[in-house]
Amino acid sequence: QQQDTEYSHLLEREMVVYPPGTLFVGQRFQTKEQVQDAINRFHIVNHCTYKVKHSNTTRLLMECVHHDCAWRCRAILRTREQHWEIMILKGPHTCVSSLISQDHNKLGSQMISQTIHEIIEANSTIIAHIKLTMGYTISYKKGWLAKQHAIENIFGNWEESYNKLLGMLQAMQMYVSSFIWKFTMQPAYQDGLLEEGNVIFKRLFWTFKPCIDGFAFCKPIVQVDGTFLYGKYKGTLLVAVAQDGHNNIILIAFAVVEGETSDV
C-alpha cells in the first residue's frame, strides 16, 4: 500500500481540459507549451496581452505589458510529478489598452490551425460520403465543386444576393428605427461596351443610431480597417470602430467599397 501511494502520481497523467480563458492557481498542464497556450487563450478572451519576463526549462514568468498593471503569472515544472503548475496568479488586468485591433498578437497560426481541422477535412468528408452511399471514389476537385453547388442551392448565387441587397436595405429602414444607409450603383459594361439600362453595385454605407449615440461616450479615436471580400465579385468591407472607457470596442459605421483607396 505504501508503494502504491508513493508512485500513484505516475498514474495521474490525465490533465483536466478547462474552457478557454480559464486560469487559476494550482492549474496543471502536461507541457510548458500547454501552459503558454492556456495563457494565450486567457488573454485573447479578455482582450489584453502580456510579455514573458523569464523562461527556461523549469520556470515560466509572465507579466502585463503595461508597467502599472498588477497582473502576474508564474508557472513551474514539478519534476517529481512531471507536470507544470501555476503557482502564482495576480490580477486581474487593470490596464486599459490604447490600441484598437481586429487581430491579437497572441492568436498565432498554430492555435488557428487547431480550430480549422474540420474545415480543412470537409472535402475528404464529402469524398467518404459518396464512397459510402454510391460506391464511387470521386476526385477532390469534384467534391469541392459539389460543395460550391450545395452552398449556392442553400444560400443562392452571387447575382441573386446582389439583386436582393436594395430590397433588404429598404426593409431594414422600415423595421429598424433610425437605420441610416446609402447605396450607389454604376453603369454596367460587357466586354468594354456599355449595357444600356443596366446598372451594377458600386458602394454601400450603413450605420445604426445606437452606434452614433454610443460614440459620444468613446475615446476621441476612430480607426477604419478593411478586410477583402473573397468570392466571384471582389471588394472590401470597411468598419469604423472606437473604444470606450472600459476598453470595449464599439462599432460605429460600415461600408462595402471597391477598395480602401479610390480615385472616384
C-alpha atoms as a PDB file:
ATOM      1  CA  GLN A   1       0.000   0.000   0.000  1.00  0.00           C
ATOM      2  CA  GLN A   2       2.867   2.354   0.821  1.00  0.00           C
ATOM      3  CA  GLN A   3       4.434   1.668  -2.566  1.00  0.00           C
ATOM      4  CA  ASP A   4       1.151   2.410  -4.350  1.00  0.00           C
ATOM      5  CA  THR A   5       0.876   5.745  -2.544  1.00  0.00           C
ATOM      6  CA  GLU A   6       4.462   6.670  -3.315  1.00  0.00           C
ATOM      7  CA  TYR A   7       4.155   6.049  -7.044  1.00  0.00           C
ATOM      8  CA  SER A   8       0.469   6.842  -7.554  1.00  0.00           C
ATOM      9  CA  HIS A   9       1.389  10.219  -9.077  1.00  0.00           C
ATOM     10  CA  LEU A  10       2.840   8.356 -12.054  1.00  0.00           C
ATOM     11  CA  LEU A  11      -0.657   7.159 -12.933  1.00  0.00           C
ATOM     12  CA  GLU A  12      -2.132  10.656 -12.897  1.00  0.00           C
ATOM     13  CA  ARG A  13      -1.287  11.550 -16.483  1.00  0.00           C
ATOM     14  CA  GLU A  14      -4.710  12.824 -17.481  1.00  0.00           C
ATOM     15  CA  MET A  15      -4.934  16.614 -17.243  1.00  0.00           C
ATOM     16  CA  VAL A  16      -8.369  18.244 -16.954  1.00  0.00           C
ATOM     17  CA  VAL A  17      -9.305  20.347 -20.004  1.00  0.00           C
ATOM     18  CA  TYR A  18     -10.833  23.667 -18.941  1.00  0.00           C
ATOM     19  CA  PRO A  19     -12.811  26.155 -21.081  1.00  0.00           C
ATOM     20  CA  PRO A  20     -10.745  28.770 -22.988  1.00  0.00           C
ATOM     21  CA  GLY A  21      -9.881  31.723 -20.775  1.00  0.00           C
ATOM     22  CA  THR A  22      -9.616  29.670 -17.551  1.00  0.00           C
ATOM     23  CA  LEU A  23      -6.613  30.341 -15.314  1.00  0.00           C
ATOM     24  CA  PHE A  24      -6.192  29.659 -11.576  1.00  0.00           C
ATOM     25  CA  VAL A  25      -3.512  28.818  -9.030  1.00  0.00           C
ATOM     26  CA  GLY A  26      -2.948  25.066  -8.950  1.00  0.00           C
ATOM     27  CA  GLN A  27      -3.982  24.523 -12.572  1.00  0.00           C
ATOM     28  CA  ARG A  28      -1.892  21.697 -14.060  1.00  0.00           C
ATOM     29  CA  PHE A  29      -0.541  21.058 -17.544  1.00  0.00           C
ATOM     30  CA  GLN A  30       1.409  18.244 -19.122  1.00  0.00           C
ATOM     31  CA  THR A  31       3.816  20.511 -21.016  1.00  0.00           C
ATOM     32  CA  LYS A  32       5.153  24.047 -20.992  1.00  0.00           C
ATOM     33  CA  GLU A  33       3.534  24.606 -24.392  1.00  0.00           C
ATOM     34  CA  GLN A  34       0.125  23.856 -22.875  1.00  0.00           C
ATOM     35  CA  VAL A  35       0.773  26.464 -20.169  1.00  0.00           C
ATOM     36  CA  GLN A  36       1.574  29.082 -22.785  1.00  0.00           C
ATOM     37  CA  ASP A  37      -1.435  28.087 -24.867  1.00  0.00           C
ATOM     38  CA  ALA A  38      -3.782  28.474 -21.877  1.00  0.00           C
ATOM     39  CA  ILE A  39      -2.316  31.875 -21.029  1.00  0.00           C
ATOM     40  CA  ASN A  40      -2.602  32.977 -24.651  1.00  0.00           C
ATOM     41  CA  ARG A  41      -6.257  31.922 -24.758  1.00  0.00           C
ATOM     42  CA  PHE A  42      -6.908  33.741 -21.478  1.00  0.00           C
ATOM     43  CA  HIS A  43      -5.600  36.986 -22.947  1.00  0.00           C
ATOM     44  CA  ILE A  44      -7.403  36.531 -26.253  1.00  0.00           C
ATOM     45  CA  VAL A  45     -10.734  36.028 -24.445  1.00  0.00           C
ATOM     46  CA  ASN A  46     -10.107  39.020 -22.165  1.00  0.00           C
ATOM     47  CA  HIS A  47      -8.758  41.343 -24.900  1.00  0.00           C
ATOM     48  CA  CYS A  48      -5.435  42.080 -23.242  1.00  0.00           C
ATOM     49  CA  THR A  49      -1.855  40.925 -23.654  1.00  0.00           C
ATOM     50  CA  TYR A  50       1.313  40.080 -21.740  1.00  0.00           C
ATOM     51  CA  LYS A  51       5.052  39.584 -22.081  1.00  0.00           C
ATOM     52  CA  VAL A  52       7.369  36.805 -20.943  1.00  0.00           C
ATOM     53  CA  LYS A  53       9.773  38.094 -18.286  1.00  0.00           C
ATOM     54  CA  HIS A  54      11.637  34.813 -17.723  1.00  0.00           C
ATOM     55  CA  SER A  55      11.504  31.403 -19.358  1.00  0.00           C
ATOM     56  CA  ASN A  56      13.592  28.263 -19.033  1.00  0.00           C
ATOM     57  CA  THR A  57      13.067  24.502 -18.857  1.00  0.00           C
ATOM     58  CA  THR A  58      11.555  24.594 -15.358  1.00  0.00           C
ATOM     59  CA  ARG A  59      10.078  28.053 -14.870  1.00  0.00           C
ATOM     60  CA  LEU A  60       7.857  30.484 -16.746  1.00  0.00           C
ATOM     61  CA  LEU A  61       7.216  34.029 -15.516  1.00  0.00           C
ATOM     62  CA  MET A  62       4.867  36.422 -17.319  1.00  0.00           C
ATOM     63  CA  GLU A  63       3.608  39.930 -16.641  1.00  0.00           C
ATOM     64  CA  CYS A  64       1.392  42.540 -18.259  1.00  0.00           C
ATOM     65  CA  VAL A  65       2.970  44.677 -20.969  1.00  0.00           C
ATOM     66  CA  HIS A  66       1.856  47.773 -19.018  1.00  0.00           C
ATOM     67  CA  HIS A  67       4.145  48.531 -16.074  1.00  0.00           C
ATOM     68  CA  ASP A  68       1.283  49.985 -13.992  1.00  0.00           C
ATOM     69  CA  CYS A  69      -0.815  46.805 -14.256  1.00  0.00           C
ATOM     70  CA  ALA A  70      -0.536  44.272 -11.432  1.00  0.00           C
ATOM     71  CA  TRP A  71      -1.194  41.121 -13.496  1.00  0.00           C
ATOM     72  CA  ARG A  72       1.491  38.454 -12.983  1.00  0.00           C
ATOM     73  CA  CYS A  73       1.662  34.714 -13.543  1.00  0.00           C
ATOM     74  CA  ARG A  74       4.305  32.164 -12.529  1.00  0.00           C
ATOM     75  CA  ALA A  75       4.311  28.502 -13.545  1.00  0.00           C
ATOM     76  CA  ILE A  76       6.900  25.861 -12.697  1.00  0.00           C
ATOM     77  CA  LEU A  77       7.700  22.305 -13.659  1.00  0.00           C
ATOM     78  CA  ARG A  78       7.143  19.943 -10.739  1.00  0.00           C
ATOM     79  CA  THR A  79       9.905  17.492 -11.511  1.00  0.00           C
ATOM     80  CA  ARG A  80       8.642  14.720  -9.221  1.00  0.00           C
ATOM     81  CA  GLU A  81       5.134  14.681 -10.694  1.00  0.00           C
ATOM     82  CA  GLN A  82       6.396  15.686 -14.154  1.00  0.00           C
ATOM     83  CA  HIS A  83       3.732  18.288 -14.786  1.00  0.00           C
ATOM     84  CA  TRP A  84       3.593  22.082 -14.986  1.00  0.00           C
ATOM     85  CA  GLU A  85       1.555  24.014 -12.442  1.00  0.00           C
ATOM     86  CA  ILE A  86       0.521  27.642 -11.992  1.00  0.00           C
ATOM     87  CA  MET A  87       1.904  28.730  -8.621  1.00  0.00           C
ATOM     88  CA  ILE A  88       1.271  32.493  -8.631  1.00  0.00           C
ATOM     89  CA  LEU A  89      -1.511  34.394 -10.386  1.00  0.00           C
ATOM     90  CA  LYS A  90      -2.033  38.062  -9.516  1.00  0.00           C
ATOM     91  CA  GLY A  91      -4.684  40.148 -11.161  1.00  0.00           C
ATOM     92  CA  PRO A  92      -6.986  40.809 -12.855  1.00  0.00           C
ATOM     93  CA  HIS A  93      -5.632  43.105 -15.532  1.00  0.00           C
ATOM     94  CA  THR A  94      -6.212  46.726 -14.523  1.00  0.00           C
ATOM     95  CA  CYS A  95      -4.688  48.208 -17.659  1.00  0.00           C
ATOM     96  CA  VAL A  96      -6.565  49.987 -20.435  1.00  0.00           C
ATOM     97  CA  SER A  97      -5.094  49.436 -23.872  1.00  0.00           C
ATOM     98  CA  SER A  98      -4.894  52.436 -26.184  1.00  0.00           C
ATOM     99  CA  LEU A  99      -4.783  50.158 -29.213  1.00  0.00           C
ATOM    100  CA  ILE A 100      -7.769  49.037 -31.288  1.00  0.00           C
ATOM    101  CA  SER A 101      -7.184  45.969 -33.407  1.00  0.00           C
ATOM    102  CA  GLN A 102      -9.197  43.272 -35.133  1.00  0.00           C
ATOM    103  CA  ASP A 103      -6.298  40.864 -34.514  1.00  0.00           C
ATOM    104  CA  HIS A 104      -4.427  39.725 -31.400  1.00  0.00           C
ATOM    105  CA  ASN A 105      -0.663  39.266 -31.112  1.00  0.00           C
ATOM    106  CA  LYS A 106      -1.166  36.010 -29.154  1.00  0.00           C
ATOM    107  CA  LEU A 107      -3.510  34.499 -31.743  1.00  0.00           C
ATOM    108  CA  GLY A 108      -0.893  32.544 -33.669  1.00  0.00           C
ATOM    109  CA  SER A 109      -1.193  30.402 -36.750  1.00  0.00           C
ATOM    110  CA  GLN A 110      -0.653  27.230 -34.721  1.00  0.00           C
ATOM    111  CA  MET A 111      -3.633  27.999 -32.486  1.00  0.00           C
ATOM    112  CA  ILE A 112      -5.769  28.870 -35.513  1.00  0.00           C
ATOM    113  CA  SER A 113      -4.793  25.602 -37.198  1.00  0.00           C
ATOM    114  CA  GLN A 114      -6.211  23.675 -34.218  1.00  0.00           C
ATOM    115  CA  THR A 115      -9.636  25.236 -34.787  1.00  0.00           C
ATOM    116  CA  ILE A 116      -9.954  24.694 -38.549  1.00  0.00           C
ATOM    117  CA  HIS A 117      -9.264  20.972 -38.876  1.00  0.00           C
ATOM    118  CA  GLU A 118     -12.923  20.246 -39.649  1.00  0.00           C
ATOM    119  CA  ILE A 119     -12.948  22.898 -42.377  1.00  0.00           C
ATOM    120  CA  ILE A 120      -9.794  21.527 -43.990  1.00  0.00           C
ATOM    121  CA  GLU A 121     -11.157  17.985 -43.845  1.00  0.00           C
ATOM    122  CA  ALA A 122     -14.587  18.900 -45.284  1.00  0.00           C
ATOM    123  CA  ASN A 123     -13.799  17.795 -48.834  1.00  0.00           C
ATOM    124  CA  SER A 124     -12.440  14.469 -47.567  1.00  0.00           C
ATOM    125  CA  THR A 125     -15.736  14.008 -45.709  1.00  0.00           C
ATOM    126  CA  ILE A 126     -17.662  14.566 -48.952  1.00  0.00           C
ATOM    127  CA  ILE A 127     -15.498  12.033 -50.767  1.00  0.00           C
ATOM    128  CA  ALA A 128     -16.044   9.466 -47.991  1.00  0.00           C
ATOM    129  CA  HIS A 129     -19.807  10.118 -48.039  1.00  0.00           C
ATOM    130  CA  ILE A 130     -20.063   9.454 -51.803  1.00  0.00           C
ATOM    131  CA  LYS A 131     -17.945   6.322 -51.427  1.00  0.00           C
ATOM    132  CA  LEU A 132     -20.244   5.050 -48.667  1.00  0.00           C
ATOM    133  CA  THR A 133     -23.572   5.926 -50.309  1.00  0.00           C
ATOM    134  CA  MET A 134     -22.809   5.432 -54.019  1.00  0.00           C
ATOM    135  CA  GLY A 135     -19.772   3.189 -54.118  1.00  0.00           C
ATOM    136  CA  TYR A 136     -17.537   5.547 -56.115  1.00  0.00           C
ATOM    137  CA  THR A 137     -14.416   7.468 -55.128  1.00  0.00           C
ATOM    138  CA  ILE A 138     -14.664  10.939 -56.631  1.00  0.00           C
ATOM    139  CA  SER A 139     -11.789  13.393 -57.116  1.00  0.00           C
ATOM    140  CA  TYR A 140     -11.003  16.189 -54.677  1.00  0.00           C
ATOM    141  CA  LYS A 141     -11.951  18.773 -57.340  1.00  0.00           C
ATOM    142  CA  LYS A 142     -15.342  17.175 -57.937  1.00  0.00           C
ATOM    143  CA  GLY A 143     -16.004  17.149 -54.202  1.00  0.00           C
ATOM    144  CA  TRP A 144     -15.078  20.847 -53.992  1.00  0.00           C
ATOM    145  CA  LEU A 145     -17.364  21.741 -56.922  1.00  0.00           C
ATOM    146  CA  ALA A 146     -20.207  19.763 -55.335  1.00  0.00           C
ATOM    147  CA  LYS A 147     -19.719  21.754 -52.135  1.00  0.00           C
ATOM    148  CA  GLN A 148     -19.964  25.041 -54.079  1.00  0.00           C
ATOM    149  CA  HIS A 149     -23.185  23.892 -55.767  1.00  0.00           C
ATOM    150  CA  ALA A 150     -24.657  22.922 -52.401  1.00  0.00           C
ATOM    151  CA  ILE A 151     -23.801  26.339 -50.962  1.00  0.00           C
ATOM    152  CA  GLU A 152     -25.452  28.022 -53.961  1.00  0.00           C
ATOM    153  CA  ASN A 153     -28.560  25.870 -53.600  1.00  0.00           C
ATOM    154  CA  ILE A 154     -28.868  26.826 -49.934  1.00  0.00           C
ATOM    155  CA  PHE A 155     -27.867  30.493 -49.992  1.00  0.00           C
ATOM    156  CA  GLY A 156     -28.401  31.472 -53.651  1.00  0.00           C
ATOM    157  CA  ASN A 157     -25.813  32.634 -56.174  1.00  0.00           C
ATOM    158  CA  TRP A 158     -23.831  35.857 -56.237  1.00  0.00           C
ATOM    159  CA  GLU A 159     -26.105  37.705 -58.668  1.00  0.00           C
ATOM    160  CA  GLU A 160     -29.236  36.883 -56.686  1.00  0.00           C
ATOM    161  CA  SER A 161     -27.601  38.121 -53.495  1.00  0.00           C
ATOM    162  CA  TYR A 162     -26.672  41.491 -55.017  1.00  0.00           C
ATOM    163  CA  ASN A 163     -30.142  41.849 -56.569  1.00  0.00           C
ATOM    164  CA  LYS A 164     -31.734  41.337 -53.143  1.00  0.00           C
ATOM    165  CA  LEU A 165     -29.495  43.905 -51.454  1.00  0.00           C
ATOM    166  CA  LEU A 166     -31.553  47.024 -52.194  1.00  0.00           C
ATOM    167  CA  GLY A 167     -34.767  45.365 -51.006  1.00  0.00           C
ATOM    168  CA  MET A 168     -33.067  44.217 -47.818  1.00  0.00           C
ATOM    169  CA  LEU A 169     -31.881  47.754 -47.088  1.00  0.00           C
ATOM    170  CA  GLN A 170     -35.370  49.144 -47.621  1.00  0.00           C
ATOM    171  CA  ALA A 171     -36.788  46.511 -45.279  1.00  0.00           C
ATOM    172  CA  MET A 172     -34.194  47.415 -42.648  1.00  0.00           C
ATOM    173  CA  GLN A 173     -35.152  51.066 -42.939  1.00  0.00           C
ATOM    174  CA  MET A 174     -38.806  50.151 -42.442  1.00  0.00           C
ATOM    175  CA  TYR A 175     -38.362  47.923 -39.395  1.00  0.00           C
ATOM    176  CA  VAL A 176     -35.192  49.276 -37.714  1.00  0.00           C
ATOM    177  CA  SER A 177     -35.617  52.723 -36.201  1.00  0.00           C
ATOM    178  CA  SER A 178     -33.156  55.356 -37.491  1.00  0.00           C
ATOM    179  CA  PHE A 179     -31.318  52.939 -39.776  1.00  0.00           C
ATOM    180  CA  ILE A 180     -29.034  55.024 -41.996  1.00  0.00           C
ATOM    181  CA  TRP A 181     -27.747  53.842 -45.361  1.00  0.00           C
ATOM    182  CA  LYS A 182     -26.549  54.998 -48.762  1.00  0.00           C
ATOM    183  CA  PHE A 183     -26.448  52.710 -51.781  1.00  0.00           C
ATOM    184  CA  THR A 184     -24.810  53.713 -55.070  1.00  0.00           C
ATOM    185  CA  MET A 185     -24.706  51.947 -58.423  1.00  0.00           C
ATOM    186  CA  GLN A 186     -22.743  52.389 -61.630  1.00  0.00           C
ATOM    187  CA  PRO A 187     -23.318  51.642 -65.337  1.00  0.00           C
ATOM    188  CA  ALA A 188     -22.711  48.051 -66.408  1.00  0.00           C
ATOM    189  CA  TYR A 189     -20.202  47.172 -69.123  1.00  0.00           C
ATOM    190  CA  GLN A 190     -19.829  43.929 -71.077  1.00  0.00           C
ATOM    191  CA  ASP A 191     -16.555  43.403 -72.977  1.00  0.00           C
ATOM    192  CA  GLY A 192     -15.856  47.118 -72.733  1.00  0.00           C
ATOM    193  CA  LEU A 193     -19.249  48.127 -74.144  1.00  0.00           C
ATOM    194  CA  LEU A 194     -21.899  49.989 -72.150  1.00  0.00           C
ATOM    195  CA  GLU A 195     -25.041  47.975 -71.497  1.00  0.00           C
ATOM    196  CA  GLU A 196     -27.891  50.439 -71.842  1.00  0.00           C
ATOM    197  CA  GLY A 197     -30.363  50.331 -68.960  1.00  0.00           C
ATOM    198  CA  ASN A 198     -28.229  48.012 -66.802  1.00  0.00           C
ATOM    199  CA  VAL A 199     -26.513  49.074 -63.584  1.00  0.00           C
ATOM    200  CA  ILE A 200     -24.407  47.193 -61.062  1.00  0.00           C
ATOM    201  CA  PHE A 201     -23.424  47.587 -57.427  1.00  0.00           C
ATOM    202  CA  LYS A 202     -20.742  50.164 -56.613  1.00  0.00           C
ATOM    203  CA  ARG A 203     -20.737  51.081 -52.917  1.00  0.00           C
ATOM    204  CA  LEU A 204     -22.784  50.724 -49.755  1.00  0.00           C
ATOM    205  CA  PHE A 205     -22.654  52.600 -46.444  1.00  0.00           C
ATOM    206  CA  TRP A 206     -24.783  51.859 -43.369  1.00  0.00           C
ATOM    207  CA  THR A 207     -24.943  52.505 -39.644  1.00  0.00           C
ATOM    208  CA  PHE A 208     -27.398  52.473 -36.744  1.00  0.00           C
ATOM    209  CA  LYS A 209     -28.445  55.267 -34.407  1.00  0.00           C
ATOM    210  CA  PRO A 210     -27.185  53.426 -31.258  1.00  0.00           C
ATOM    211  CA  CYS A 211     -23.743  53.283 -32.902  1.00  0.00           C
ATOM    212  CA  ILE A 212     -23.794  57.036 -33.456  1.00  0.00           C
ATOM    213  CA  ASP A 213     -25.126  57.780 -29.966  1.00  0.00           C
ATOM    214  CA  GLY A 214     -22.571  55.461 -28.366  1.00  0.00           C
ATOM    215  CA  PHE A 215     -19.647  57.272 -29.968  1.00  0.00           C
ATOM    216  CA  ALA A 216     -20.305  60.250 -27.673  1.00  0.00           C
ATOM    217  CA  PHE A 217     -19.036  58.109 -24.767  1.00  0.00           C
ATOM    218  CA  CYS A 218     -15.907  56.839 -26.531  1.00  0.00           C
ATOM    219  CA  LYS A 219     -12.310  57.994 -26.609  1.00  0.00           C
ATOM    220  CA  PRO A 220     -11.663  60.571 -29.384  1.00  0.00           C
ATOM    221  CA  ILE A 221     -10.003  57.964 -31.582  1.00  0.00           C
ATOM    222  CA  VAL A 222     -11.547  56.382 -34.678  1.00  0.00           C
ATOM    223  CA  GLN A 223      -9.935  53.555 -36.617  1.00  0.00           C
ATOM    224  CA  VAL A 224     -11.107  52.437 -40.031  1.00  0.00           C
ATOM    225  CA  ASP A 225      -9.979  48.973 -41.040  1.00  0.00           C
ATOM    226  CA  GLY A 226     -10.844  46.820 -44.008  1.00  0.00           C
ATOM    227  CA  THR A 227     -10.967  43.192 -44.996  1.00  0.00           C
ATOM    228  CA  PHE A 228     -11.095  41.805 -48.511  1.00  0.00           C
ATOM    229  CA  LEU A 229     -14.250  40.118 -49.758  1.00  0.00           C
ATOM    230  CA  TYR A 230     -13.479  36.775 -51.366  1.00  0.00           C
ATOM    231  CA  GLY A 231     -15.782  35.347 -53.981  1.00  0.00           C
ATOM    232  CA  LYS A 232     -16.908  35.911 -57.537  1.00  0.00           C
ATOM    233  CA  TYR A 233     -17.069  39.681 -57.048  1.00  0.00           C
ATOM    234  CA  LYS A 234     -14.267  41.369 -55.158  1.00  0.00           C
ATOM    235  CA  GLY A 235     -14.484  44.309 -52.804  1.00  0.00           C
ATOM    236  CA  THR A 236     -13.569  45.494 -49.344  1.00  0.00           C
ATOM    237  CA  LEU A 237     -15.628  45.617 -46.157  1.00  0.00           C
ATOM    238  CA  LEU A 238     -14.714  48.697 -44.099  1.00  0.00           C
ATOM    239  CA  VAL A 239     -15.556  49.045 -40.414  1.00  0.00           C
ATOM    240  CA  ALA A 240     -15.116  52.204 -38.339  1.00  0.00           C
ATOM    241  CA  VAL A 241     -14.577  51.464 -34.635  1.00  0.00           C
ATOM    242  CA  ALA A 242     -13.864  53.350 -31.418  1.00  0.00           C
ATOM    243  CA  GLN A 243     -13.106  52.361 -27.826  1.00  0.00           C
ATOM    244  CA  ASP A 244     -14.999  53.262 -24.662  1.00  0.00           C
ATOM    245  CA  GLY A 245     -13.590  53.920 -21.202  1.00  0.00           C
ATOM    246  CA  HIS A 246     -13.810  50.226 -20.259  1.00  0.00           C
ATOM    247  CA  ASN A 247     -11.661  49.134 -23.199  1.00  0.00           C
ATOM    248  CA  ASN A 248     -14.651  47.783 -25.161  1.00  0.00           C
ATOM    249  CA  ILE A 249     -14.593  48.140 -28.930  1.00  0.00           C
ATOM    250  CA  ILE A 250     -17.656  49.968 -30.289  1.00  0.00           C
ATOM    251  CA  LEU A 251     -18.701  49.625 -33.921  1.00  0.00           C
ATOM    252  CA  ILE A 252     -19.619  52.983 -35.470  1.00  0.00           C
ATOM    253  CA  ALA A 253     -20.218  52.532 -39.201  1.00  0.00           C
ATOM    254  CA  PHE A 254     -19.854  50.023 -42.032  1.00  0.00           C
ATOM    255  CA  ALA A 255     -19.218  50.181 -45.773  1.00  0.00           C
ATOM    256  CA  VAL A 256     -18.670  47.906 -48.745  1.00  0.00           C
ATOM    257  CA  VAL A 257     -16.473  49.531 -51.386  1.00  0.00           C
ATOM    258  CA  GLU A 258     -14.234  48.557 -54.261  1.00  0.00           C
ATOM    259  CA  GLY A 259     -11.072  49.105 -52.191  1.00  0.00           C
ATOM    260  CA  GLU A 260      -9.591  51.026 -49.259  1.00  0.00           C
ATOM    261  CA  THR A 261      -8.492  53.789 -51.654  1.00  0.00           C
ATOM    262  CA  SER A 262     -10.053  55.041 -54.875  1.00  0.00           C
ATOM    263  CA  ASP A 263      -9.738  57.995 -57.214  1.00  0.00           C
ATOM    264  CA  VAL A 264     -13.523  58.391 -57.518  1.00  0.00           C
END
